Amino acid sequence: MRHRWPEDTRFTRLVLEVEDKVCAVCGGALHICDHRRHRIFTLQGPVEVVCKLAHCSDPPVRRAG
């Protein structure tokens, strides 16, 4: 069951950037295709972690993955 956070909860946002900016297969540029957000509670308080997802725009590489 999904956890319900109180309405007044203030989250510290932590954005995780993509480290590899080029495709390991074709050498082309990777493009941000989505963001995944996860809310967690740490010892320092509530944190919203934003994970950026990247993929290669070359169709043959995407089909091979």
N, C-alpha and C. Protein backbone atom coordinates (compact mmCIF):
# COMPACT_ATOMS: atom_id res chain seq x y z
N MET A 1 0.84 -1.18 0.00
CA MET A 1 0.00 0.00 0.00
C MET A 1 0.89 1.25 0.00
N ARG A 2 0.48 2.22 -0.76
CA ARG A 2 1.24 3.46 -0.89
C ARG A 2 1.11 4.31 0.36
N HIS A 3 2.26 4.90 0.76
CA HIS A 3 2.28 5.76 1.94
C HIS A 3 1.72 7.13 1.60
N ARG A 4 0.88 7.66 2.45
CA ARG A 4 0.33 9.01 2.27
C ARG A 4 1.09 9.98 3.17
N TRP A 5 1.73 10.97 2.54
CA TRP A 5 2.45 11.99 3.28
C TRP A 5 1.47 13.07 3.71
N PRO A 6 1.67 13.64 4.90
CA PRO A 6 0.81 14.76 5.31
C PRO A 6 0.91 15.92 4.31
N GLU A 7 -0.18 16.66 4.13
CA GLU A 7 -0.24 17.75 3.15
C GLU A 7 0.85 18.79 3.35
N ASP A 8 1.23 19.07 4.59
CA ASP A 8 2.18 20.15 4.87
C ASP A 8 3.64 19.68 4.92
N THR A 9 3.93 18.47 4.46
CA THR A 9 5.30 17.96 4.47
C THR A 9 6.15 18.74 3.48
N ARG A 10 7.29 19.23 3.93
CA ARG A 10 8.22 19.96 3.06
C ARG A 10 9.39 19.05 2.75
N PHE A 11 9.57 18.76 1.46
CA PHE A 11 10.62 17.86 1.02
C PHE A 11 11.83 18.64 0.53
N THR A 12 13.01 18.13 0.86
CA THR A 12 14.25 18.62 0.27
C THR A 12 14.45 17.84 -1.01
N ARG A 13 14.61 18.54 -2.14
CA ARG A 13 14.74 17.86 -3.43
C ARG A 13 16.20 17.55 -3.72
N LEU A 14 16.44 16.30 -4.10
CA LEU A 14 17.77 15.83 -4.49
C LEU A 14 17.64 15.31 -5.91
N VAL A 15 18.27 16.00 -6.88
CA VAL A 15 18.19 15.61 -8.28
C VAL A 15 19.45 14.86 -8.66
N LEU A 16 19.28 13.64 -9.15
CA LEU A 16 20.40 12.82 -9.60
C LEU A 16 20.57 13.01 -11.11
N GLU A 17 21.70 13.55 -11.51
CA GLU A 17 21.97 13.80 -12.92
C GLU A 17 22.53 12.55 -13.58
N VAL A 18 22.40 12.47 -14.90
CA VAL A 18 22.94 11.36 -15.67
C VAL A 18 24.45 11.56 -15.80
N GLU A 19 25.23 10.54 -15.43
CA GLU A 19 26.69 10.64 -15.50
C GLU A 19 27.20 10.50 -16.93
N ASP A 20 26.74 9.45 -17.62
CA ASP A 20 27.20 9.20 -18.98
C ASP A 20 26.29 9.95 -19.94
N LYS A 21 26.85 10.88 -20.70
CA LYS A 21 26.07 11.69 -21.62
C LYS A 21 26.10 11.15 -23.05
N VAL A 22 26.92 10.09 -23.29
CA VAL A 22 26.98 9.49 -24.62
C VAL A 22 26.67 8.00 -24.54
N CYS A 23 26.10 7.49 -25.61
CA CYS A 23 25.73 6.07 -25.69
C CYS A 23 26.99 5.20 -25.75
N ALA A 24 27.01 4.14 -24.97
CA ALA A 24 28.15 3.22 -24.95
C ALA A 24 28.20 2.36 -26.21
N VAL A 25 27.09 2.24 -26.94
CA VAL A 25 27.04 1.40 -28.13
C VAL A 25 27.42 2.18 -29.39
N CYS A 26 26.75 3.33 -29.61
CA CYS A 26 26.96 4.05 -30.87
C CYS A 26 27.73 5.36 -30.71
N GLY A 27 27.90 5.83 -29.50
CA GLY A 27 28.62 7.08 -29.27
C GLY A 27 27.77 8.33 -29.44
N GLY A 28 26.48 8.15 -29.71
CA GLY A 28 25.57 9.30 -29.87
C GLY A 28 25.18 9.88 -28.51
N ALA A 29 24.58 11.05 -28.55
CA ALA A 29 24.16 11.73 -27.32
C ALA A 29 22.94 11.04 -26.71
N LEU A 30 22.94 10.92 -25.39
CA LEU A 30 21.78 10.39 -24.68
C LEU A 30 20.82 11.53 -24.39
N HIS A 31 19.54 11.23 -24.40
CA HIS A 31 18.51 12.23 -24.16
C HIS A 31 17.70 11.84 -22.93
N ILE A 32 17.37 12.83 -22.12
CA ILE A 32 16.54 12.58 -20.93
C ILE A 32 15.15 12.22 -21.42
N CYS A 33 14.67 11.04 -21.05
CA CYS A 33 13.37 10.58 -21.53
C CYS A 33 12.31 10.55 -20.44
N ASP A 34 12.73 10.58 -19.17
CA ASP A 34 11.75 10.49 -18.09
C ASP A 34 12.41 10.89 -16.78
N HIS A 35 11.59 11.16 -15.79
CA HIS A 35 12.04 11.44 -14.44
C HIS A 35 11.27 10.53 -13.50
N ARG A 36 11.97 9.92 -12.58
CA ARG A 36 11.33 9.10 -11.55
C ARG A 36 11.50 9.79 -10.22
N ARG A 37 10.42 9.93 -9.50
CA ARG A 37 10.44 10.62 -8.21
C ARG A 37 10.14 9.63 -7.10
N HIS A 38 10.96 9.69 -6.07
CA HIS A 38 10.78 8.82 -4.91
C HIS A 38 10.86 9.68 -3.66
N ARG A 39 9.89 9.55 -2.80
CA ARG A 39 9.89 10.30 -1.55
C ARG A 39 10.27 9.35 -0.43
N ILE A 40 11.30 9.74 0.30
CA ILE A 40 11.80 8.92 1.39
C ILE A 40 11.99 9.78 2.63
N PHE A 41 12.07 9.13 3.77
CA PHE A 41 12.34 9.83 5.01
C PHE A 41 13.72 9.42 5.49
N THR A 42 14.62 10.40 5.64
CA THR A 42 15.97 10.13 6.11
C THR A 42 16.12 10.68 7.53
N LEU A 43 17.28 10.46 8.12
CA LEU A 43 17.53 11.01 9.46
C LEU A 43 17.56 12.54 9.43
N GLN A 44 17.79 13.13 8.25
CA GLN A 44 17.79 14.58 8.11
C GLN A 44 16.40 15.13 7.75
N GLY A 45 15.43 14.27 7.55
CA GLY A 45 14.07 14.70 7.23
C GLY A 45 13.60 14.16 5.90
N PRO A 46 12.42 14.60 5.44
CA PRO A 46 11.85 14.11 4.19
C PRO A 46 12.65 14.59 2.97
N VAL A 47 12.89 13.67 2.03
CA VAL A 47 13.66 13.98 0.82
C VAL A 47 12.90 13.43 -0.38
N GLU A 48 12.85 14.23 -1.44
CA GLU A 48 12.31 13.76 -2.71
C GLU A 48 13.49 13.56 -3.66
N VAL A 49 13.74 12.32 -4.04
CA VAL A 49 14.85 12.00 -4.95
C VAL A 49 14.28 11.94 -6.36
N VAL A 50 14.90 12.72 -7.26
CA VAL A 50 14.49 12.75 -8.66
C VAL A 50 15.59 12.10 -9.49
N CYS A 51 15.25 10.98 -10.13
CA CYS A 51 16.21 10.25 -10.96
C CYS A 51 15.90 10.54 -12.43
N LYS A 52 16.87 11.08 -13.15
CA LYS A 52 16.69 11.35 -14.58
C LYS A 52 17.07 10.10 -15.36
N LEU A 53 16.18 9.67 -16.24
CA LEU A 53 16.43 8.50 -17.07
C LEU A 53 16.78 8.96 -18.48
N ALA A 54 17.81 8.36 -19.05
CA ALA A 54 18.26 8.75 -20.39
C ALA A 54 18.30 7.53 -21.30
N HIS A 55 18.11 7.78 -22.59
CA HIS A 55 18.22 6.70 -23.57
C HIS A 55 18.80 7.26 -24.86
N CYS A 56 19.28 6.36 -25.69
CA CYS A 56 19.85 6.72 -26.99
C CYS A 56 18.68 6.94 -27.96
N SER A 57 18.79 7.96 -28.79
CA SER A 57 17.69 8.23 -29.73
C SER A 57 17.81 7.41 -31.01
N ASP A 58 18.88 6.64 -31.17
CA ASP A 58 19.09 5.80 -32.33
C ASP A 58 18.20 4.55 -32.22
N PRO A 59 17.19 4.39 -33.09
CA PRO A 59 16.25 3.26 -32.97
C PRO A 59 16.90 1.87 -32.92
N PRO A 60 17.92 1.55 -33.74
CA PRO A 60 18.52 0.20 -33.64
C PRO A 60 19.14 -0.06 -32.27
N VAL A 61 19.72 0.94 -31.66
CA VAL A 61 20.33 0.77 -30.33
C VAL A 61 19.23 0.53 -29.31
N ARG A 62 18.12 1.27 -29.38
CA ARG A 62 17.02 1.11 -28.42
C ARG A 62 16.41 -0.28 -28.53
N ARG A 63 16.27 -0.81 -29.75
CA ARG A 63 15.70 -2.16 -29.92
C ARG A 63 16.62 -3.23 -29.38
N ALA A 64 17.94 -3.01 -29.48
CA ALA A 64 18.91 -4.00 -29.02
C ALA A 64 18.97 -4.07 -27.50
N GLY A 65 18.61 -2.98 -26.82
CA GLY A 65 18.70 -2.91 -25.36
C GLY A 65 17.58 -3.60 -24.72
